[in-house]
Amino acid sequence: TTTDTIIVNEPPVAQFSAPPSVCLNSPTPFSDQSFGGNGGFITNWFWDFGDGSTSTEQNPVYSYTFPGTDTATLTITNNFGCSNTTFLYITVAGPPVASFTLVQNFFEVTFTNTSDTTSNSSFLWTFGDGTTNTELNPVHVYSNAGVYAICLTIFDSLCSLQDSSCQVLDIATGIYNPNALQQFITITPNPANDLVTVSADNIVIESIQLLNVVGDEILKIEEINILGDSAYLNISTLPSAIYLLKVRTDKGVITKKLIITTD
């Protein structure tokens, strides 16, 4: 009779941590938290980030280059040759895309937000009559007939990104020519770090308002009233960030994105 001793080793346990939501082209840390098993230790790590890229580092840092949801997988092997695999879903946030539709019933207008956004997004509506709203799908009642420039701006707090979409509404006849007013106002340079020139083309600039990404007013210039000329903003003391520039004109409010890089 022959007797052999067979040692059954406890298998390793793969586990890791990573942010569930990340930004495009942003370095993302993956932290190995695996256990090698009783009496074992991990000798190999194999990461599959779900987009065709891999790594054999223990704690890699990786940047995703396409938006979407990827399955990040870690496979470990210990010194006994035993393996184990685990995975996490990683949501890669792309830039927001602002869009909306509206239904007009006399002076009452119902807006439907059709934007491509994430759960980190907030919204700022400007209705062209001096009022704003931060709801997802607002209803607005105009006091007077006229032509109004309506803009929706999306702010993504996770990745500090934003996008705007505008439409011009004739309260009597309906929508025409989305983004029509944008061509009348030019901002240079953009990005900027010192002086910003706001140029008007055949339109009267009445006032300029600079907002941060949460809608707080940073600067305001009133009673400009220039036709086909330029106004200037000194932004050299402001921190680097994405801002919203609201230009009130005789044809409505025009909203544009301004990037400041003063640091």
C-alpha atoms as a PDB file:
ATOM      1  CA  THR A   1       0.000   0.000   0.000  1.00  0.00           C
ATOM      2  CA  THR A   2       1.278   3.441  -0.992  1.00  0.00           C
ATOM      3  CA  THR A   3       0.041   6.609   0.612  1.00  0.00           C
ATOM      4  CA  ASP A   4       0.493  10.059  -0.880  1.00  0.00           C
ATOM      5  CA  THR A   5      -0.305  13.363   0.711  1.00  0.00           C
ATOM      6  CA  ILE A   6      -2.225  15.731  -1.527  1.00  0.00           C
ATOM      7  CA  ILE A   7      -2.264  19.375  -0.543  1.00  0.00           C
ATOM      8  CA  VAL A   8      -5.266  21.278  -1.800  1.00  0.00           C
ATOM      9  CA  ASN A   9      -4.410  24.956  -1.785  1.00  0.00           C
ATOM     10  CA  GLU A  10      -6.998  27.621  -1.226  1.00  0.00           C
ATOM     11  CA  PRO A  11      -7.641  29.368  -4.560  1.00  0.00           C
ATOM     12  CA  PRO A  12      -6.708  33.020  -5.006  1.00  0.00           C
ATOM     13  CA  VAL A  13      -9.442  35.643  -4.980  1.00  0.00           C
ATOM     14  CA  ALA A  14      -9.297  38.406  -7.586  1.00  0.00           C
ATOM     15  CA  GLN A  15     -10.688  41.803  -6.674  1.00  0.00           C
ATOM     16  CA  PHE A  16      -9.889  45.410  -7.504  1.00  0.00           C
ATOM     17  CA  SER A  17     -11.252  48.935  -7.265  1.00  0.00           C
ATOM     18  CA  ALA A  18     -11.691  51.567  -9.962  1.00  0.00           C
ATOM     19  CA  PRO A  19     -13.945  54.601 -10.450  1.00  0.00           C
ATOM     20  CA  PRO A  20     -17.319  53.513 -11.879  1.00  0.00           C
ATOM     21  CA  SER A  21     -17.500  56.647 -14.050  1.00  0.00           C
ATOM     22  CA  VAL A  22     -14.516  58.258 -15.775  1.00  0.00           C
ATOM     23  CA  CYS A  23     -13.816  60.975 -18.345  1.00  0.00           C
ATOM     24  CA  LEU A  24     -12.464  60.579 -21.847  1.00  0.00           C
ATOM     25  CA  ASN A  25      -8.638  60.661 -22.000  1.00  0.00           C
ATOM     26  CA  SER A  26      -8.426  60.982 -18.208  1.00  0.00           C
ATOM     27  CA  PRO A  27      -5.870  58.781 -16.375  1.00  0.00           C
ATOM     28  CA  THR A  28      -7.873  56.206 -14.403  1.00  0.00           C
ATOM     29  CA  PRO A  29      -6.222  54.230 -11.558  1.00  0.00           C
ATOM     30  CA  PHE A  30      -6.944  50.511 -11.136  1.00  0.00           C
ATOM     31  CA  SER A  31      -6.050  49.245  -7.665  1.00  0.00           C
ATOM     32  CA  ASP A  32      -5.413  45.523  -7.133  1.00  0.00           C
ATOM     33  CA  GLN A  33      -6.921  44.203  -3.886  1.00  0.00           C
ATOM     34  CA  SER A  34      -6.586  40.482  -4.599  1.00  0.00           C
ATOM     35  CA  PHE A  35      -5.752  37.668  -2.140  1.00  0.00           C
ATOM     36  CA  GLY A  36      -3.243  34.969  -3.144  1.00  0.00           C
ATOM     37  CA  GLY A  37      -4.861  32.155  -1.161  1.00  0.00           C
ATOM     38  CA  ASN A  38      -3.763  30.309   1.978  1.00  0.00           C
ATOM     39  CA  GLY A  39       0.010  29.961   1.728  1.00  0.00           C
ATOM     40  CA  GLY A  40       0.030  31.465  -1.748  1.00  0.00           C
ATOM     41  CA  PHE A  41       1.030  34.768  -3.280  1.00  0.00           C
ATOM     42  CA  ILE A  42       0.142  36.376  -6.575  1.00  0.00           C
ATOM     43  CA  THR A  43       2.733  36.141  -9.324  1.00  0.00           C
ATOM     44  CA  ASN A  44       0.845  37.425 -12.359  1.00  0.00           C
ATOM     45  CA  TRP A  45      -1.776  40.065 -13.090  1.00  0.00           C
ATOM     46  CA  PHE A  46      -3.572  40.381 -16.417  1.00  0.00           C
ATOM     47  CA  TRP A  47      -5.878  43.320 -16.999  1.00  0.00           C
ATOM     48  CA  ASP A  48      -8.302  43.610 -19.910  1.00  0.00           C
ATOM     49  CA  PHE A  49      -9.804  47.110 -19.976  1.00  0.00           C
ATOM     50  CA  GLY A  50     -12.660  46.088 -22.265  1.00  0.00           C
ATOM     51  CA  ASP A  51     -11.669  48.187 -25.257  1.00  0.00           C
ATOM     52  CA  GLY A  52      -8.906  45.998 -26.645  1.00  0.00           C
ATOM     53  CA  SER A  53      -6.144  47.283 -24.359  1.00  0.00           C
ATOM     54  CA  THR A  54      -4.414  45.172 -21.704  1.00  0.00           C
ATOM     55  CA  SER A  55      -1.774  45.442 -18.975  1.00  0.00           C
ATOM     56  CA  THR A  56       0.284  43.117 -16.775  1.00  0.00           C
ATOM     57  CA  GLU A  57       1.070  45.693 -14.074  1.00  0.00           C
ATOM     58  CA  GLN A  58      -0.264  45.160 -10.585  1.00  0.00           C
ATOM     59  CA  ASN A  59      -1.813  48.633 -10.331  1.00  0.00           C
ATOM     60  CA  PRO A  60      -2.073  50.133 -13.797  1.00  0.00           C
ATOM     61  CA  VAL A  61      -3.283  53.598 -14.779  1.00  0.00           C
ATOM     62  CA  TYR A  62      -5.249  53.684 -18.016  1.00  0.00           C
ATOM     63  CA  SER A  63      -6.996  56.352 -20.134  1.00  0.00           C
ATOM     64  CA  TYR A  64     -10.078  55.458 -22.137  1.00  0.00           C
ATOM     65  CA  THR A  65     -10.361  57.116 -25.557  1.00  0.00           C
ATOM     66  CA  PHE A  66     -13.961  56.298 -26.531  1.00  0.00           C
ATOM     67  CA  PRO A  67     -17.227  56.948 -24.634  1.00  0.00           C
ATOM     68  CA  GLY A  68     -19.455  54.064 -23.578  1.00  0.00           C
ATOM     69  CA  THR A  69     -19.540  51.272 -21.006  1.00  0.00           C
ATOM     70  CA  ASP A  70     -16.549  48.920 -20.849  1.00  0.00           C
ATOM     71  CA  THR A  71     -16.032  45.725 -18.851  1.00  0.00           C
ATOM     72  CA  ALA A  72     -12.674  45.876 -17.064  1.00  0.00           C
ATOM     73  CA  THR A  73     -11.433  42.386 -16.150  1.00  0.00           C
ATOM     74  CA  LEU A  74      -8.614  41.272 -13.845  1.00  0.00           C
ATOM     75  CA  THR A  75      -7.208  37.736 -13.923  1.00  0.00           C
ATOM     76  CA  ILE A  76      -4.639  36.775 -11.272  1.00  0.00           C
ATOM     77  CA  THR A  77      -2.413  33.715 -10.939  1.00  0.00           C
ATOM     78  CA  ASN A  78      -0.654  32.643  -7.746  1.00  0.00           C
ATOM     79  CA  ASN A  79       2.559  30.688  -7.166  1.00  0.00           C
ATOM     80  CA  PHE A  80       0.654  27.377  -7.273  1.00  0.00           C
ATOM     81  CA  GLY A  81      -0.601  28.129 -10.787  1.00  0.00           C
ATOM     82  CA  CYS A  82      -4.174  28.713  -9.632  1.00  0.00           C
ATOM     83  CA  SER A  83      -6.136  31.536 -11.250  1.00  0.00           C
ATOM     84  CA  ASN A  84      -9.214  33.627 -10.572  1.00  0.00           C
ATOM     85  CA  THR A  85     -11.018  36.378 -12.510  1.00  0.00           C
ATOM     86  CA  THR A  86     -13.271  39.299 -11.613  1.00  0.00           C
ATOM     87  CA  PHE A  87     -14.659  42.326 -13.444  1.00  0.00           C
ATOM     88  CA  LEU A  88     -16.192  45.790 -13.042  1.00  0.00           C
ATOM     89  CA  TYR A  89     -18.241  47.943 -15.422  1.00  0.00           C
ATOM     90  CA  ILE A  90     -16.636  51.291 -16.259  1.00  0.00           C
ATOM     91  CA  THR A  91     -18.762  54.073 -17.761  1.00  0.00           C
ATOM     92  CA  VAL A  92     -16.701  56.433 -19.922  1.00  0.00           C
ATOM     93  CA  ALA A  93     -18.450  59.789 -20.157  1.00  0.00           C
ATOM     94  CA  GLY A  94     -18.318  61.538 -23.515  1.00  0.00           C
ATOM     95  CA  PRO A  95     -18.959  65.239 -24.060  1.00  0.00           C
ATOM     96  CA  PRO A  96     -22.580  66.294 -23.534  1.00  0.00           C
ATOM     97  CA  VAL A  97     -24.648  67.169 -26.605  1.00  0.00           C
ATOM     98  CA  ALA A  98     -27.381  69.721 -25.987  1.00  0.00           C
ATOM     99  CA  SER A  99     -30.688  69.536 -27.872  1.00  0.00           C
ATOM    100  CA  PHE A 100     -34.343  70.183 -27.183  1.00  0.00           C
ATOM    101  CA  THR A 101     -37.783  70.388 -28.724  1.00  0.00           C
ATOM    102  CA  LEU A 102     -40.703  72.606 -27.820  1.00  0.00           C
ATOM    103  CA  VAL A 103     -44.463  72.787 -28.149  1.00  0.00           C
ATOM    104  CA  GLN A 104     -46.100  76.209 -28.219  1.00  0.00           C
ATOM    105  CA  ASN A 105     -49.635  76.870 -26.994  1.00  0.00           C
ATOM    106  CA  PHE A 106     -50.197  80.610 -27.423  1.00  0.00           C
ATOM    107  CA  PHE A 107     -47.823  82.248 -24.891  1.00  0.00           C
ATOM    108  CA  GLU A 108     -47.113  78.995 -23.021  1.00  0.00           C
ATOM    109  CA  VAL A 109     -44.177  76.911 -24.273  1.00  0.00           C
ATOM    110  CA  THR A 110     -43.371  73.388 -23.084  1.00  0.00           C
ATOM    111  CA  PHE A 111     -39.737  72.335 -23.507  1.00  0.00           C
ATOM    112  CA  THR A 112     -38.505  68.748 -23.789  1.00  0.00           C
ATOM    113  CA  ASN A 113     -34.816  68.136 -23.127  1.00  0.00           C
ATOM    114  CA  THR A 114     -33.525  65.635 -25.715  1.00  0.00           C
ATOM    115  CA  SER A 115     -29.835  66.071 -24.859  1.00  0.00           C
ATOM    116  CA  ASP A 116     -27.228  63.332 -24.647  1.00  0.00           C
ATOM    117  CA  THR A 117     -26.090  63.647 -21.027  1.00  0.00           C
ATOM    118  CA  THR A 118     -24.981  61.742 -17.929  1.00  0.00           C
ATOM    119  CA  SER A 119     -26.260  61.688 -14.349  1.00  0.00           C
ATOM    120  CA  ASN A 120     -23.611  64.321 -13.532  1.00  0.00           C
ATOM    121  CA  SER A 121     -25.285  66.928 -15.742  1.00  0.00           C
ATOM    122  CA  SER A 122     -27.113  70.103 -14.757  1.00  0.00           C
ATOM    123  CA  PHE A 123     -29.091  72.404 -17.028  1.00  0.00           C
ATOM    124  CA  LEU A 124     -29.507  76.125 -17.581  1.00  0.00           C
ATOM    125  CA  TRP A 125     -32.308  77.431 -19.805  1.00  0.00           C
ATOM    126  CA  THR A 126     -32.385  81.051 -20.986  1.00  0.00           C
ATOM    127  CA  PHE A 127     -35.690  82.047 -22.559  1.00  0.00           C
ATOM    128  CA  GLY A 128     -34.651  85.291 -24.249  1.00  0.00           C
ATOM    129  CA  ASP A 129     -36.877  87.461 -22.061  1.00  0.00           C
ATOM    130  CA  GLY A 130     -34.492  87.835 -19.136  1.00  0.00           C
ATOM    131  CA  THR A 131     -35.631  84.717 -17.266  1.00  0.00           C
ATOM    132  CA  THR A 132     -33.863  81.400 -16.701  1.00  0.00           C
ATOM    133  CA  ASN A 133     -34.682  77.905 -15.448  1.00  0.00           C
ATOM    134  CA  THR A 134     -32.669  74.894 -14.265  1.00  0.00           C
ATOM    135  CA  GLU A 135     -35.329  72.180 -14.591  1.00  0.00           C
ATOM    136  CA  LEU A 136     -34.957  69.231 -16.943  1.00  0.00           C
ATOM    137  CA  ASN A 137     -38.159  69.929 -18.909  1.00  0.00           C
ATOM    138  CA  PRO A 138     -39.498  73.377 -18.027  1.00  0.00           C
ATOM    139  CA  VAL A 139     -42.717  75.095 -19.032  1.00  0.00           C
ATOM    140  CA  HIS A 140     -42.414  78.840 -19.670  1.00  0.00           C
ATOM    141  CA  VAL A 141     -45.103  81.462 -20.153  1.00  0.00           C
ATOM    142  CA  TYR A 142     -44.115  84.591 -22.098  1.00  0.00           C
ATOM    143  CA  SER A 143     -45.629  87.936 -21.143  1.00  0.00           C
ATOM    144  CA  ASN A 144     -45.496  89.495 -24.598  1.00  0.00           C
ATOM    145  CA  ALA A 145     -45.450  88.495 -28.240  1.00  0.00           C
ATOM    146  CA  GLY A 146     -42.081  88.792 -29.952  1.00  0.00           C
ATOM    147  CA  VAL A 147     -39.028  86.964 -31.202  1.00  0.00           C
ATOM    148  CA  TYR A 148     -36.996  85.183 -28.503  1.00  0.00           C
ATOM    149  CA  ALA A 149     -33.657  83.350 -28.570  1.00  0.00           C
ATOM    150  CA  ILE A 150     -33.946  80.262 -26.346  1.00  0.00           C
ATOM    151  CA  CYS A 151     -30.790  78.454 -25.268  1.00  0.00           C
ATOM    152  CA  LEU A 152     -30.147  75.278 -23.284  1.00  0.00           C
ATOM    153  CA  THR A 153     -26.691  74.842 -21.760  1.00  0.00           C
ATOM    154  CA  ILE A 154     -25.574  71.554 -20.195  1.00  0.00           C
ATOM    155  CA  PHE A 155     -22.867  71.395 -17.539  1.00  0.00           C
ATOM    156  CA  ASP A 156     -21.128  68.068 -16.815  1.00  0.00           C
ATOM    157  CA  SER A 157     -19.635  68.309 -13.310  1.00  0.00           C
ATOM    158  CA  LEU A 158     -17.690  65.041 -13.601  1.00  0.00           C
ATOM    159  CA  CYS A 159     -15.584  66.068 -16.583  1.00  0.00           C
ATOM    160  CA  SER A 160     -16.035  69.879 -16.504  1.00  0.00           C
ATOM    161  CA  LEU A 161     -17.573  69.864 -19.976  1.00  0.00           C
ATOM    162  CA  GLN A 162     -20.509  71.757 -21.402  1.00  0.00           C
ATOM    163  CA  ASP A 163     -22.504  72.264 -24.567  1.00  0.00           C
ATOM    164  CA  SER A 164     -25.216  74.665 -25.719  1.00  0.00           C
ATOM    165  CA  SER A 165     -28.064  74.584 -28.201  1.00  0.00           C
ATOM    166  CA  CYS A 166     -30.199  77.568 -29.197  1.00  0.00           C
ATOM    167  CA  GLN A 167     -33.382  78.122 -31.162  1.00  0.00           C
ATOM    168  CA  VAL A 168     -35.167  81.292 -32.173  1.00  0.00           C
ATOM    169  CA  LEU A 169     -38.881  81.380 -31.446  1.00  0.00           C
ATOM    170  CA  ASP A 170     -41.446  83.734 -32.901  1.00  0.00           C
ATOM    171  CA  ILE A 171     -44.183  83.575 -30.281  1.00  0.00           C
ATOM    172  CA  ALA A 172     -46.770  84.072 -33.015  1.00  0.00           C
ATOM    173  CA  THR A 173     -45.567  81.772 -35.811  1.00  0.00           C
ATOM    174  CA  GLY A 174     -43.332  79.135 -34.168  1.00  0.00           C
ATOM    175  CA  ILE A 175     -39.678  78.042 -34.468  1.00  0.00           C
ATOM    176  CA  TYR A 176     -37.351  79.106 -37.233  1.00  0.00           C
ATOM    177  CA  ASN A 177     -33.649  78.815 -37.949  1.00  0.00           C
ATOM    178  CA  PRO A 178     -32.075  77.192 -34.817  1.00  0.00           C
ATOM    179  CA  ASN A 179     -28.803  78.860 -33.745  1.00  0.00           C
ATOM    180  CA  ALA A 180     -29.577  81.794 -36.076  1.00  0.00           C
ATOM    181  CA  LEU A 181     -28.306  84.435 -33.645  1.00  0.00           C
ATOM    182  CA  GLN A 182     -24.948  82.736 -33.020  1.00  0.00           C
ATOM    183  CA  GLN A 183     -23.457  84.119 -36.245  1.00  0.00           C
ATOM    184  CA  PHE A 184     -23.869  87.725 -35.086  1.00  0.00           C
ATOM    185  CA  ILE A 185     -21.513  87.462 -32.087  1.00  0.00           C
ATOM    186  CA  THR A 186     -17.831  86.410 -32.149  1.00  0.00           C
ATOM    187  CA  ILE A 187     -15.587  85.847 -29.116  1.00  0.00           C
ATOM    188  CA  THR A 188     -11.810  86.107 -29.564  1.00  0.00           C
ATOM    189  CA  PRO A 189      -9.557  84.635 -28.440  1.00  0.00           C
ATOM    190  CA  ASN A 190     -11.201  81.495 -27.087  1.00  0.00           C
ATOM    191  CA  PRO A 191      -9.509  80.004 -25.025  1.00  0.00           C
ATOM    192  CA  ALA A 192      -8.335  83.279 -23.481  1.00  0.00           C
ATOM    193  CA  ASN A 193      -6.066  84.332 -20.613  1.00  0.00           C
ATOM    194  CA  ASP A 194      -6.131  88.136 -20.526  1.00  0.00           C
ATOM    195  CA  LEU A 195      -8.471  90.244 -22.666  1.00  0.00           C
ATOM    196  CA  VAL A 196     -11.557  88.926 -24.458  1.00  0.00           C
ATOM    197  CA  THR A 197     -13.073  90.747 -27.425  1.00  0.00           C
ATOM    198  CA  VAL A 198     -16.818  90.339 -28.003  1.00  0.00           C
ATOM    199  CA  SER A 199     -17.548  91.477 -31.569  1.00  0.00           C
ATOM    200  CA  ALA A 200     -21.000  92.275 -32.959  1.00  0.00           C
ATOM    201  CA  ASP A 201     -22.052  92.025 -36.600  1.00  0.00           C
ATOM    202  CA  ASN A 202     -25.107  94.138 -37.467  1.00  0.00           C
ATOM    203  CA  ILE A 203     -26.562  93.649 -34.015  1.00  0.00           C
ATOM    204  CA  VAL A 204     -26.695  95.822 -30.877  1.00  0.00           C
ATOM    205  CA  ILE A 205     -24.927  94.499 -27.770  1.00  0.00           C
ATOM    206  CA  GLU A 206     -26.863  95.768 -24.758  1.00  0.00           C
ATOM    207  CA  SER A 207     -25.105  93.916 -21.930  1.00  0.00           C
ATOM    208  CA  ILE A 208     -22.679  91.046 -21.276  1.00  0.00           C
ATOM    209  CA  GLN A 209     -22.845  88.578 -18.399  1.00  0.00           C
ATOM    210  CA  LEU A 210     -20.218  85.960 -17.481  1.00  0.00           C
ATOM    211  CA  LEU A 211     -21.401  82.900 -15.496  1.00  0.00           C
ATOM    212  CA  ASN A 212     -19.521  79.981 -13.994  1.00  0.00           C
ATOM    213  CA  VAL A 213     -20.552  76.368 -14.588  1.00  0.00           C
ATOM    214  CA  VAL A 214     -23.102  76.419 -11.753  1.00  0.00           C
ATOM    215  CA  GLY A 215     -24.776  79.598 -13.024  1.00  0.00           C
ATOM    216  CA  ASP A 216     -23.249  82.136 -10.603  1.00  0.00           C
ATOM    217  CA  GLU A 217     -22.606  85.580 -12.067  1.00  0.00           C
ATOM    218  CA  ILE A 218     -18.891  86.435 -12.228  1.00  0.00           C
ATOM    219  CA  LEU A 219     -18.848  89.601 -14.341  1.00  0.00           C
ATOM    220  CA  LYS A 220     -21.469  91.869 -15.845  1.00  0.00           C
ATOM    221  CA  ILE A 221     -21.211  94.862 -18.175  1.00  0.00           C
ATOM    222  CA  GLU A 222     -24.438  96.818 -18.647  1.00  0.00           C
ATOM    223  CA  GLU A 223     -25.645  99.663 -20.870  1.00  0.00           C
ATOM    224  CA  ILE A 224     -23.173  98.974 -23.664  1.00  0.00           C
ATOM    225  CA  ASN A 225     -25.559  99.686 -26.576  1.00  0.00           C
ATOM    226  CA  ILE A 226     -23.095  99.418 -29.453  1.00  0.00           C
ATOM    227  CA  LEU A 227     -24.027  98.474 -33.011  1.00  0.00           C
ATOM    228  CA  GLY A 228     -21.614  96.444 -35.112  1.00  0.00           C
ATOM    229  CA  ASP A 229     -18.671  97.140 -32.787  1.00  0.00           C
ATOM    230  CA  SER A 230     -16.749  95.357 -30.021  1.00  0.00           C
ATOM    231  CA  ALA A 231     -16.839  95.128 -26.241  1.00  0.00           C
ATOM    232  CA  TYR A 232     -13.923  94.009 -24.088  1.00  0.00           C
ATOM    233  CA  LEU A 233     -13.643  91.892 -20.929  1.00  0.00           C
ATOM    234  CA  ASN A 234     -10.583  91.695 -18.704  1.00  0.00           C
ATOM    235  CA  ILE A 235     -10.530  88.124 -17.388  1.00  0.00           C
ATOM    236  CA  SER A 236      -6.867  88.002 -16.274  1.00  0.00           C
ATOM    237  CA  THR A 237      -7.794  87.614 -12.587  1.00  0.00           C
ATOM    238  CA  LEU A 238     -10.242  84.746 -13.068  1.00  0.00           C
ATOM    239  CA  PRO A 239      -9.280  81.104 -12.456  1.00  0.00           C
ATOM    240  CA  SER A 240      -8.961  78.688 -15.344  1.00  0.00           C
ATOM    241  CA  ALA A 241     -12.333  77.065 -16.066  1.00  0.00           C
ATOM    242  CA  ILE A 242     -15.171  76.815 -18.539  1.00  0.00           C
ATOM    243  CA  TYR A 243     -17.573  79.768 -18.392  1.00  0.00           C
ATOM    244  CA  LEU A 244     -20.843  80.765 -20.012  1.00  0.00           C
ATOM    245  CA  LEU A 245     -20.938  84.148 -21.764  1.00  0.00           C
ATOM    246  CA  LYS A 246     -24.451  85.594 -22.153  1.00  0.00           C
ATOM    247  CA  VAL A 247     -24.676  88.510 -24.557  1.00  0.00           C
ATOM    248  CA  ARG A 248     -27.967  90.392 -24.473  1.00  0.00           C
ATOM    249  CA  THR A 249     -28.736  92.053 -27.811  1.00  0.00           C
ATOM    250  CA  ASP A 250     -31.597  93.879 -29.480  1.00  0.00           C
ATOM    251  CA  LYS A 251     -32.512  90.565 -31.165  1.00  0.00           C
ATOM    252  CA  GLY A 252     -32.355  88.344 -28.084  1.00  0.00           C
ATOM    253  CA  VAL A 253     -29.845  86.666 -25.767  1.00  0.00           C
ATOM    254  CA  ILE A 254     -26.892  84.833 -27.332  1.00  0.00           C
ATOM    255  CA  THR A 255     -25.096  82.274 -25.180  1.00  0.00           C
ATOM    256  CA  LYS A 256     -21.562  81.087 -25.940  1.00  0.00           C
ATOM    257  CA  LYS A 257     -18.931  79.000 -24.184  1.00  0.00           C
ATOM    258  CA  LEU A 258     -15.727  80.734 -23.041  1.00  0.00           C
ATOM    259  CA  ILE A 259     -12.648  78.836 -21.857  1.00  0.00           C
ATOM    260  CA  ILE A 260     -10.312  80.780 -19.563  1.00  0.00           C
ATOM    261  CA  THR A 261      -6.730  79.552 -19.018  1.00  0.00           C
ATOM    262  CA  THR A 262      -5.047  82.059 -16.720  1.00  0.00           C
ATOM    263  CA  ASP A 263      -3.239  79.721 -14.288  1.00  0.00           C
END
